[in-house]
C-alpha atoms as a PDB file:
ATOM      1  CA  MET A   1      54.874  62.978  58.900  1.00  0.00           C
ATOM      2  CA  LYS A   2      56.591  59.605  58.571  1.00  0.00           C
ATOM      3  CA  LYS A   3      55.324  59.393  55.009  1.00  0.00           C
ATOM      4  CA  TRP A   4      57.115  62.618  54.122  1.00  0.00           C
ATOM      5  CA  MET A   5      60.327  61.541  55.827  1.00  0.00           C
ATOM      6  CA  THR A   6      60.210  58.231  53.975  1.00  0.00           C
ATOM      7  CA  LEU A   7      59.736  60.010  50.661  1.00  0.00           C
ATOM      8  CA  MET A   8      62.663  62.323  51.345  1.00  0.00           C
ATOM      9  CA  ALA A   9      64.889  59.448  52.383  1.00  0.00           C
ATOM     10  CA  THR A  10      63.955  57.516  49.256  1.00  0.00           C
ATOM     11  CA  SER A  11      64.730  60.528  47.066  1.00  0.00           C
ATOM     12  CA  ALA A  12      68.082  60.880  48.804  1.00  0.00           C
ATOM     13  CA  LEU A  13      68.933  57.255  48.088  1.00  0.00           C
ATOM     14  CA  ALA A  14      68.125  57.841  44.408  1.00  0.00           C
ATOM     15  CA  LEU A  15      70.596  60.701  44.011  1.00  0.00           C
ATOM     16  CA  SER A  16      73.680  60.198  41.806  1.00  0.00           C
ATOM     17  CA  LEU A  17      76.924  62.144  41.417  1.00  0.00           C
ATOM     18  CA  VAL A  18      78.179  64.664  38.845  1.00  0.00           C
ATOM     19  CA  ALA A  19      81.526  64.662  37.087  1.00  0.00           C
ATOM     20  CA  CYS A  20      84.629  66.719  37.836  1.00  0.00           C
ATOM     21  CA  ASN A  21      88.014  66.753  36.181  1.00  0.00           C
ATOM     22  CA  THR A  22      90.251  66.480  39.257  1.00  0.00           C
ATOM     23  CA  SER A  23      91.742  63.328  40.757  1.00  0.00           C
ATOM     24  CA  ALA A  24      90.933  62.248  44.297  1.00  0.00           C
ATOM     25  CA  THR A  25      92.911  63.856  47.112  1.00  0.00           C
ATOM     26  CA  PRO A  26      94.798  61.158  49.062  1.00  0.00           C
ATOM     27  CA  THR A  27      94.189  61.013  52.810  1.00  0.00           C
ATOM     28  CA  SER A  28      96.791  60.122  55.419  1.00  0.00           C
ATOM     29  CA  LYS A  29      95.628  56.494  55.082  1.00  0.00           C
ATOM     30  CA  THR A  30      96.528  56.322  51.388  1.00  0.00           C
ATOM     31  CA  SER A  31      99.810  54.628  50.501  1.00  0.00           C
ATOM     32  CA  GLU A  32     101.688  55.832  47.433  1.00  0.00           C
ATOM     33  CA  GLU A  33     101.318  52.541  45.577  1.00  0.00           C
ATOM     34  CA  ASN A  34      97.529  52.654  46.020  1.00  0.00           C
ATOM     35  CA  THR A  35      97.059  56.270  44.954  1.00  0.00           C
ATOM     36  CA  SER A  36      94.758  56.581  41.949  1.00  0.00           C
ATOM     37  CA  ASP A  37      94.944  59.249  39.252  1.00  0.00           C
ATOM     38  CA  LEU A  38      91.354  58.736  38.116  1.00  0.00           C
ATOM     39  CA  THR A  39      89.222  61.856  38.042  1.00  0.00           C
ATOM     40  CA  LEU A  40      85.790  62.149  39.607  1.00  0.00           C
ATOM     41  CA  LYS A  41      84.289  61.980  36.134  1.00  0.00           C
ATOM     42  CA  GLN A  42      86.120  58.755  35.369  1.00  0.00           C
ATOM     43  CA  VAL A  43      85.190  57.182  38.708  1.00  0.00           C
ATOM     44  CA  PHE A  44      81.576  58.119  38.209  1.00  0.00           C
ATOM     45  CA  GLU A  45      81.493  56.726  34.669  1.00  0.00           C
ATOM     46  CA  LYS A  46      83.053  53.449  35.815  1.00  0.00           C
ATOM     47  CA  SER A  47      80.664  53.229  38.763  1.00  0.00           C
ATOM     48  CA  LEU A  48      77.699  53.904  36.508  1.00  0.00           C
ATOM     49  CA  ALA A  49      78.849  51.247  34.032  1.00  0.00           C
ATOM     50  CA  GLN A  50      79.317  48.777  36.890  1.00  0.00           C
ATOM     51  CA  SER A  51      75.818  49.485  38.199  1.00  0.00           C
ATOM     52  CA  GLU A  52      74.373  48.069  34.981  1.00  0.00           C
ATOM     53  CA  SER A  53      75.741  44.626  35.915  1.00  0.00           C
ATOM     54  CA  ILE A  54      74.256  44.629  39.423  1.00  0.00           C
ATOM     55  CA  GLU A  55      71.627  41.903  39.773  1.00  0.00           C
ATOM     56  CA  SER A  56      71.251  41.910  43.564  1.00  0.00           C
ATOM     57  CA  LEU A  57      72.743  43.222  46.804  1.00  0.00           C
ATOM     58  CA  SER A  58      72.361  43.346  50.576  1.00  0.00           C
ATOM     59  CA  ALA A  59      72.165  46.503  52.673  1.00  0.00           C
ATOM     60  CA  ASP A  60      72.245  47.597  56.298  1.00  0.00           C
ATOM     61  CA  LEU A  61      70.461  50.844  57.163  1.00  0.00           C
ATOM     62  CA  ASP A  62      70.782  52.841  60.383  1.00  0.00           C
ATOM     63  CA  MET A  63      68.584  55.939  60.576  1.00  0.00           C
ATOM     64  CA  VAL A  64      67.827  58.548  63.235  1.00  0.00           C
ATOM     65  CA  GLN A  65      65.182  61.215  62.687  1.00  0.00           C
ATOM     66  CA  LYS A  66      63.754  64.007  64.796  1.00  0.00           C
ATOM     67  CA  ILE A  67      60.484  65.816  64.093  1.00  0.00           C
ATOM     68  CA  GLU A  68      59.392  68.896  66.041  1.00  0.00           C
ATOM     69  CA  VAL A  69      56.480  71.346  65.896  1.00  0.00           C
ATOM     70  CA  PRO A  70      57.666  74.043  68.352  1.00  0.00           C
ATOM     71  CA  ALA A  71      54.389  75.975  68.387  1.00  0.00           C
ATOM     72  CA  GLN A  72      52.567  72.890  69.699  1.00  0.00           C
ATOM     73  CA  ASP A  73      55.422  71.646  71.883  1.00  0.00           C
ATOM     74  CA  VAL A  74      55.382  68.417  69.866  1.00  0.00           C
ATOM     75  CA  ALA A  75      58.495  66.303  69.369  1.00  0.00           C
ATOM     76  CA  MET A  76      59.151  62.781  68.116  1.00  0.00           C
ATOM     77  CA  ASP A  77      62.460  60.912  67.959  1.00  0.00           C
ATOM     78  CA  THR A  78      62.712  57.788  65.844  1.00  0.00           C
ATOM     79  CA  SER A  79      65.595  55.396  65.252  1.00  0.00           C
ATOM     80  CA  SER A  80      65.546  52.482  62.832  1.00  0.00           C
ATOM     81  CA  LYS A  81      67.902  49.617  62.095  1.00  0.00           C
ATOM     82  CA  MET A  82      67.158  47.517  59.030  1.00  0.00           C
ATOM     83  CA  THR A  83      68.748  44.758  56.983  1.00  0.00           C
ATOM     84  CA  MET A  84      67.632  44.222  53.408  1.00  0.00           C
ATOM     85  CA  ASP A  85      68.169  41.827  50.513  1.00  0.00           C
ATOM     86  CA  LEU A  86      67.268  43.197  47.085  1.00  0.00           C
ATOM     87  CA  ILE A  87      67.011  41.653  43.618  1.00  0.00           C
ATOM     88  CA  VAL A  88      66.844  44.114  40.730  1.00  0.00           C
ATOM     89  CA  ASP A  89      64.908  42.217  38.047  1.00  0.00           C
ATOM     90  CA  PRO A  90      62.232  41.242  38.661  1.00  0.00           C
ATOM     91  CA  LEU A  91      62.245  43.684  41.549  1.00  0.00           C
ATOM     92  CA  SER A  92      61.947  41.845  44.861  1.00  0.00           C
ATOM     93  CA  MET A  93      62.951  42.585  48.421  1.00  0.00           C
ATOM     94  CA  HIS A  94      63.101  41.151  51.937  1.00  0.00           C
ATOM     95  CA  GLN A  95      63.486  43.663  54.768  1.00  0.00           C
ATOM     96  CA  LYS A  96      63.713  43.118  58.514  1.00  0.00           C
ATOM     97  CA  GLY A  97      64.545  45.291  61.508  1.00  0.00           C
ATOM     98  CA  THR A  98      63.323  47.445  64.374  1.00  0.00           C
ATOM     99  CA  THR A  99      62.027  50.982  64.738  1.00  0.00           C
ATOM    100  CA  SER A 100      62.065  52.748  68.097  1.00  0.00           C
ATOM    101  CA  THR A 101      59.976  55.884  68.683  1.00  0.00           C
ATOM    102  CA  THR A 102      60.078  58.256  71.658  1.00  0.00           C
ATOM    103  CA  ILE A 103      57.519  61.022  72.164  1.00  0.00           C
ATOM    104  CA  PRO A 104      58.653  63.164  75.139  1.00  0.00           C
ATOM    105  CA  GLY A 105      55.935  64.424  77.435  1.00  0.00           C
ATOM    106  CA  GLU A 106      53.465  61.621  76.803  1.00  0.00           C
ATOM    107  CA  GLU A 107      51.308  60.591  79.759  1.00  0.00           C
ATOM    108  CA  SER A 108      52.760  57.117  79.370  1.00  0.00           C
ATOM    109  CA  THR A 109      56.229  56.138  80.539  1.00  0.00           C
ATOM    110  CA  GLY A 110      57.894  58.232  77.863  1.00  0.00           C
ATOM    111  CA  GLN A 111      60.100  55.226  77.132  1.00  0.00           C
ATOM    112  CA  PRO A 112      60.901  54.292  73.522  1.00  0.00           C
ATOM    113  CA  GLN A 113      58.224  52.230  71.800  1.00  0.00           C
ATOM    114  CA  GLU A 114      59.990  49.541  69.795  1.00  0.00           C
ATOM    115  CA  ILE A 115      58.378  47.911  66.786  1.00  0.00           C
ATOM    116  CA  GLU A 116      59.774  44.900  64.987  1.00  0.00           C
ATOM    117  CA  MET A 117      59.221  45.012  61.241  1.00  0.00           C
ATOM    118  CA  GLU A 118      59.475  42.487  58.436  1.00  0.00           C
ATOM    119  CA  SER A 119      58.265  42.695  54.858  1.00  0.00           C
ATOM    120  CA  PHE A 120      58.516  40.903  51.523  1.00  0.00           C
ATOM    121  CA  MET A 121      57.970  42.371  48.072  1.00  0.00           C
ATOM    122  CA  THR A 122      57.926  39.894  45.177  1.00  0.00           C
ATOM    123  CA  ALA A 123      55.762  39.054  42.194  1.00  0.00           C
ATOM    124  CA  ASP A 124      53.389  37.482  44.748  1.00  0.00           C
ATOM    125  CA  GLY A 125      52.702  40.953  46.191  1.00  0.00           C
ATOM    126  CA  PHE A 126      53.773  43.151  49.075  1.00  0.00           C
ATOM    127  CA  PHE A 127      53.515  41.541  52.521  1.00  0.00           C
ATOM    128  CA  THR A 128      54.171  43.143  55.899  1.00  0.00           C
ATOM    129  CA  GLN A 129      53.740  41.830  59.439  1.00  0.00           C
ATOM    130  CA  ASP A 130      51.742  43.622  62.131  1.00  0.00           C
ATOM    131  CA  ASN A 131      53.975  43.852  65.207  1.00  0.00           C
ATOM    132  CA  MET A 132      51.200  43.680  67.810  1.00  0.00           C
ATOM    133  CA  SER A 133      49.136  40.800  66.446  1.00  0.00           C
ATOM    134  CA  GLN A 134      51.939  39.067  64.538  1.00  0.00           C
ATOM    135  CA  GLN A 135      49.461  38.931  61.657  1.00  0.00           C
ATOM    136  CA  TRP A 136      50.789  39.155  58.100  1.00  0.00           C
ATOM    137  CA  MET A 137      49.019  41.654  55.840  1.00  0.00           C
ATOM    138  CA  LYS A 138      48.988  41.834  52.057  1.00  0.00           C
ATOM    139  CA  LEU A 139      48.886  45.355  50.674  1.00  0.00           C
ATOM    140  CA  PRO A 140      46.493  46.257  47.846  1.00  0.00           C
ATOM    141  CA  LYS A 141      47.602  45.605  44.287  1.00  0.00           C
ATOM    142  CA  ASP A 142      47.568  49.306  43.368  1.00  0.00           C
ATOM    143  CA  MET A 143      49.964  50.100  46.227  1.00  0.00           C
ATOM    144  CA  TYR A 144      52.315  47.321  45.107  1.00  0.00           C
ATOM    145  CA  GLU A 145      52.253  48.603  41.518  1.00  0.00           C
ATOM    146  CA  GLN A 146      52.894  52.139  42.779  1.00  0.00           C
ATOM    147  CA  MET A 147      56.026  51.015  44.644  1.00  0.00           C
ATOM    148  CA  ILE A 148      57.270  49.170  41.557  1.00  0.00           C
ATOM    149  CA  SER A 149      56.712  52.315  39.490  1.00  0.00           C
ATOM    150  CA  ILE A 150      58.623  54.475  41.984  1.00  0.00           C
ATOM    151  CA  SER A 151      61.567  52.070  42.003  1.00  0.00           C
ATOM    152  CA  GLN A 152      61.713  51.971  38.209  1.00  0.00           C
ATOM    153  CA  LYS A 153      61.769  55.766  37.951  1.00  0.00           C
ATOM    154  CA  GLN A 154      64.513  56.071  40.521  1.00  0.00           C
ATOM    155  CA  ALA A 155      66.626  53.524  38.628  1.00  0.00           C
ATOM    156  CA  ASP A 156      67.217  56.001  35.773  1.00  0.00           C
ATOM    157  CA  PRO A 157      70.706  57.446  36.494  1.00  0.00           C
ATOM    158  CA  SER A 158      70.728  59.700  33.431  1.00  0.00           C
ATOM    159  CA  GLN A 159      67.885  61.790  34.866  1.00  0.00           C
ATOM    160  CA  GLN A 160      69.683  62.048  38.191  1.00  0.00           C
ATOM    161  CA  LEU A 161      72.808  63.287  36.425  1.00  0.00           C
ATOM    162  CA  LYS A 162      70.836  66.011  34.689  1.00  0.00           C
ATOM    163  CA  ASP A 163      69.252  67.031  37.990  1.00  0.00           C
ATOM    164  CA  LEU A 164      72.603  67.317  39.773  1.00  0.00           C
ATOM    165  CA  GLU A 165      74.509  69.088  37.016  1.00  0.00           C
ATOM    166  CA  ILE A 166      74.144  72.405  38.868  1.00  0.00           C
ATOM    167  CA  PHE A 167      76.207  70.940  41.752  1.00  0.00           C
ATOM    168  CA  MET A 168      79.188  70.095  39.537  1.00  0.00           C
ATOM    169  CA  ASP A 169      81.612  72.350  41.407  1.00  0.00           C
ATOM    170  CA  ASP A 170      80.363  71.480  44.890  1.00  0.00           C
ATOM    171  CA  PHE A 171      81.758  67.958  45.301  1.00  0.00           C
ATOM    172  CA  THR A 172      84.903  67.077  47.223  1.00  0.00           C
ATOM    173  CA  PHE A 173      86.784  63.979  46.098  1.00  0.00           C
ATOM    174  CA  ASN A 174      89.137  62.004  48.354  1.00  0.00           C
ATOM    175  CA  GLN A 175      90.625  58.521  48.446  1.00  0.00           C
ATOM    176  CA  ASP A 176      92.227  56.033  50.810  1.00  0.00           C
ATOM    177  CA  ASP A 177      93.821  52.674  49.995  1.00  0.00           C
ATOM    178  CA  LYS A 178      90.526  50.930  49.254  1.00  0.00           C
ATOM    179  CA  GLU A 179      87.862  53.530  48.444  1.00  0.00           C
ATOM    180  CA  TYR A 180      87.018  56.808  46.788  1.00  0.00           C
ATOM    181  CA  VAL A 181      85.066  59.135  49.090  1.00  0.00           C
ATOM    182  CA  LEU A 182      82.758  61.694  47.510  1.00  0.00           C
ATOM    183  CA  LYS A 183      81.115  64.421  49.566  1.00  0.00           C
ATOM    184  CA  LEU A 184      78.534  67.087  48.856  1.00  0.00           C
ATOM    185  CA  SER A 185      77.150  69.747  51.178  1.00  0.00           C
ATOM    186  CA  ALA A 186      74.134  71.473  49.641  1.00  0.00           C
ATOM    187  CA  SER A 187      71.648  74.075  50.738  1.00  0.00           C
ATOM    188  CA  GLY A 188      69.568  76.875  49.323  1.00  0.00           C
ATOM    189  CA  GLU A 189      66.712  77.290  46.929  1.00  0.00           C
ATOM    190  CA  LYS A 190      68.248  75.337  44.045  1.00  0.00           C
ATOM    191  CA  PHE A 191      68.372  72.218  46.220  1.00  0.00           C
ATOM    192  CA  ASN A 192      64.774  72.788  47.376  1.00  0.00           C
ATOM    193  CA  GLU A 193      63.711  72.746  43.744  1.00  0.00           C
ATOM    194  CA  LEU A 194      65.576  69.479  43.140  1.00  0.00           C
ATOM    195  CA  ILE A 195      63.926  67.698  46.082  1.00  0.00           C
ATOM    196  CA  GLN A 196      60.479  69.014  45.106  1.00  0.00           C
ATOM    197  CA  LYS A 197      60.985  67.865  41.513  1.00  0.00           C
ATOM    198  CA  GLN A 198      62.058  64.368  42.543  1.00  0.00           C
ATOM    199  CA  LEU A 199      59.223  63.954  45.029  1.00  0.00           C
ATOM    200  CA  ALA A 200      56.731  65.044  42.379  1.00  0.00           C
ATOM    201  CA  GLU A 201      58.191  62.521  39.898  1.00  0.00           C
ATOM    202  CA  THR A 202      58.187  59.611  42.356  1.00  0.00           C
ATOM    203  CA  MET A 203      54.712  60.415  43.700  1.00  0.00           C
ATOM    204  CA  PRO A 204      52.719  61.568  40.662  1.00  0.00           C
ATOM    205  CA  GLU A 205      49.398  60.972  42.447  1.00  0.00           C
ATOM    206  CA  LEU A 206      50.011  63.788  44.955  1.00  0.00           C
ATOM    207  CA  GLY A 207      46.940  65.960  45.414  1.00  0.00           C
ATOM    208  CA  ALA A 208      46.840  69.741  45.225  1.00  0.00           C
ATOM    209  CA  ASP A 209      47.199  70.141  49.008  1.00  0.00           C
ATOM    210  CA  GLU A 210      50.253  67.863  49.149  1.00  0.00           C
ATOM    211  CA  GLN A 211      51.839  69.664  46.201  1.00  0.00           C
ATOM    212  CA  GLU A 212      51.395  72.939  48.067  1.00  0.00           C
ATOM    213  CA  MET A 213      53.106  71.381  51.096  1.00  0.00           C
ATOM    214  CA  LEU A 214      56.096  70.550  48.916  1.00  0.00           C
ATOM    215  CA  LYS A 215      56.412  74.219  48.006  1.00  0.00           C
ATOM    216  CA  GLU A 216      56.780  75.018  51.702  1.00  0.00           C
ATOM    217  CA  LEU A 217      59.732  72.650  52.043  1.00  0.00           C
ATOM    218  CA  ASN A 218      62.940  74.445  52.996  1.00  0.00           C
ATOM    219  CA  ILE A 219      66.204  72.491  52.885  1.00  0.00           C
ATOM    220  CA  LYS A 220      68.515  74.116  55.417  1.00  0.00           C
ATOM    221  CA  LYS A 221      71.343  71.692  54.685  1.00  0.00           C
ATOM    222  CA  VAL A 222      71.975  68.275  53.186  1.00  0.00           C
ATOM    223  CA  ASP A 223      75.298  66.426  53.502  1.00  0.00           C
ATOM    224  CA  TYR A 224      76.116  63.407  51.336  1.00  0.00           C
ATOM    225  CA  GLU A 225      79.031  61.021  51.735  1.00  0.00           C
ATOM    226  CA  ILE A 226      79.416  58.232  49.181  1.00  0.00           C
ATOM    227  CA  HIS A 227      82.071  55.503  49.302  1.00  0.00           C
ATOM    228  CA  ILE A 228      83.038  53.653  46.114  1.00  0.00           C
ATOM    229  CA  ASP A 229      85.287  50.600  46.066  1.00  0.00           C
ATOM    230  CA  LYS A 230      88.473  51.188  44.043  1.00  0.00           C
ATOM    231  CA  GLU A 231      88.546  47.715  42.509  1.00  0.00           C
ATOM    232  CA  THR A 232      84.901  46.942  41.793  1.00  0.00           C
ATOM    233  CA  PHE A 233      83.505  50.508  41.579  1.00  0.00           C
ATOM    234  CA  ASN A 234      80.502  49.342  43.602  1.00  0.00           C
ATOM    235  CA  THR A 235      79.061  51.756  46.152  1.00  0.00           C
ATOM    236  CA  THR A 236      79.923  50.452  49.616  1.00  0.00           C
ATOM    237  CA  ALA A 237      78.328  53.176  51.764  1.00  0.00           C
ATOM    238  CA  LEU A 238      75.975  56.132  51.499  1.00  0.00           C
ATOM    239  CA  ASN A 239      75.546  58.540  54.401  1.00  0.00           C
ATOM    240  CA  VAL A 240      72.974  61.321  54.216  1.00  0.00           C
ATOM    241  CA  VAL A 241      72.221  64.036  56.774  1.00  0.00           C
ATOM    242  CA  MET A 242      69.191  66.261  56.112  1.00  0.00           C
ATOM    243  CA  ASP A 243      68.080  69.321  58.071  1.00  0.00           C
ATOM    244  CA  MET A 244      64.879  70.943  56.822  1.00  0.00           C
ATOM    245  CA  THR A 245      61.684  72.754  57.726  1.00  0.00           C
ATOM    246  CA  MET A 246      58.158  72.613  56.344  1.00  0.00           C
ATOM    247  CA  ALA A 247      55.058  74.705  56.919  1.00  0.00           C
ATOM    248  CA  VAL A 248      52.071  72.537  57.887  1.00  0.00           C
ATOM    249  CA  ASP A 249      48.714  74.231  58.529  1.00  0.00           C
ATOM    250  CA  GLY A 250      50.487  77.532  59.048  1.00  0.00           C
ATOM    251  CA  GLU A 251      52.943  76.165  61.606  1.00  0.00           C
ATOM    252  CA  GLU A 252      56.607  75.332  61.119  1.00  0.00           C
ATOM    253  CA  MET A 253      57.693  71.712  61.426  1.00  0.00           C
ATOM    254  CA  THR A 254      61.417  70.932  61.682  1.00  0.00           C
ATOM    255  CA  LEU A 255      62.772  67.642  60.402  1.00  0.00           C
ATOM    256  CA  TYR A 256      66.253  66.229  60.935  1.00  0.00           C
ATOM    257  CA  GLN A 257      67.429  62.914  59.548  1.00  0.00           C
ATOM    258  CA  ASP A 258      70.758  61.103  59.739  1.00  0.00           C
ATOM    259  CA  MET A 259      70.852  57.960  57.599  1.00  0.00           C
ATOM    260  CA  LYS A 260      73.803  55.596  57.192  1.00  0.00           C
ATOM    261  CA  SER A 261      73.658  52.781  54.639  1.00  0.00           C
ATOM    262  CA  THR A 262      76.225  50.109  53.822  1.00  0.00           C
ATOM    263  CA  PHE A 263      76.034  47.834  50.779  1.00  0.00           C
ATOM    264  CA  SER A 264      77.552  44.380  50.297  1.00  0.00           C
ATOM    265  CA  ASN A 265      77.003  40.906  48.842  1.00  0.00           C
ATOM    266  CA  TYR A 266      76.721  42.270  45.301  1.00  0.00           C
ATOM    267  CA  ASN A 267      75.057  39.674  43.024  1.00  0.00           C
ATOM    268  CA  GLY A 268      75.068  37.257  45.950  1.00  0.00           C
ATOM    269  CA  VAL A 269      71.305  37.266  46.567  1.00  0.00           C
ATOM    270  CA  LYS A 270      69.945  34.628  44.199  1.00  0.00           C
ATOM    271  CA  LYS A 271      66.302  34.334  45.208  1.00  0.00           C
ATOM    272  CA  ILE A 272      63.747  35.936  47.520  1.00  0.00           C
ATOM    273  CA  VAL A 273      60.779  33.730  48.353  1.00  0.00           C
ATOM    274  CA  VAL A 274      57.733  34.621  50.425  1.00  0.00           C
ATOM    275  CA  PRO A 275      57.269  31.778  52.961  1.00  0.00           C
ATOM    276  CA  GLN A 276      54.268  29.582  52.254  1.00  0.00           C
ATOM    277  CA  GLU A 277      52.904  30.323  55.736  1.00  0.00           C
ATOM    278  CA  VAL A 278      52.812  34.029  54.887  1.00  0.00           C
ATOM    279  CA  LEU A 279      51.035  33.373  51.583  1.00  0.00           C
ATOM    280  CA  ASP A 280      48.480  31.154  53.329  1.00  0.00           C
ATOM    281  CA  THR A 281      47.713  33.375  56.325  1.00  0.00           C
ATOM    282  CA  ALA A 282      48.127  36.954  55.059  1.00  0.00           C
ATOM    283  CA  GLN A 283      44.993  39.100  55.237  1.00  0.00           C
ATOM    284  CA  GLU A 284      44.404  41.446  52.311  1.00  0.00           C
ATOM    285  CA  MET A 285      44.086  45.096  53.236  1.00  0.00           C
END
């Protein structure tokens, strides 16, 4: 189940915005001298052009997800807090944080089970630390190459624009003194098709059974909120709320996810190095 939630979250992060021809509506926090006349189309084009100059960034992610299978009286609540440094080319990453999982009704204490996580992805490979043993593990080469391939596909904004063209009239566009705020609330079959298409593109090795599972995905509602800095046109925040259901082995599984991401330190991350101790002690999976 976590695999599917991760895939959906990754697809959400890859989504871009479509263009409109109206300027941003000022909020009560917008002073007259800082009111912009740029249209959504212009803001998007400037943001897209700016993205081509991004070499690195830092991010903070805060995610809550709930998974339930009512027929089996199964429920799982998970919350994650992560910090991440990312370099675009060559793609490399350092991620660290905690994940807390609660499964109500367990024979154990029923208290949240917290796991500390840390991982590196560089040209040296993909390394992750086992929380219980504190042992570093090196993932297989094919898995590393798969993750690189997924990231490269999601970095193509032109394809995302084509995918989201059908939502052109669904965006709202506001502004305050410092940021443009773009929002989209989407639901229905057309959005199901978009998510299924993106998952299929980012995970081309899906088997027949998994592809059938995708067809049973029903997006009840997805809310996006994207903040773009008025001066730099960098994205400063992306908030995504997903509410969906999926049929698994003939039973309905409900999935809810609330993910908040903030981005900073653009082009400030100069190098990501796997510590020598990790390289020396990591066990290959």
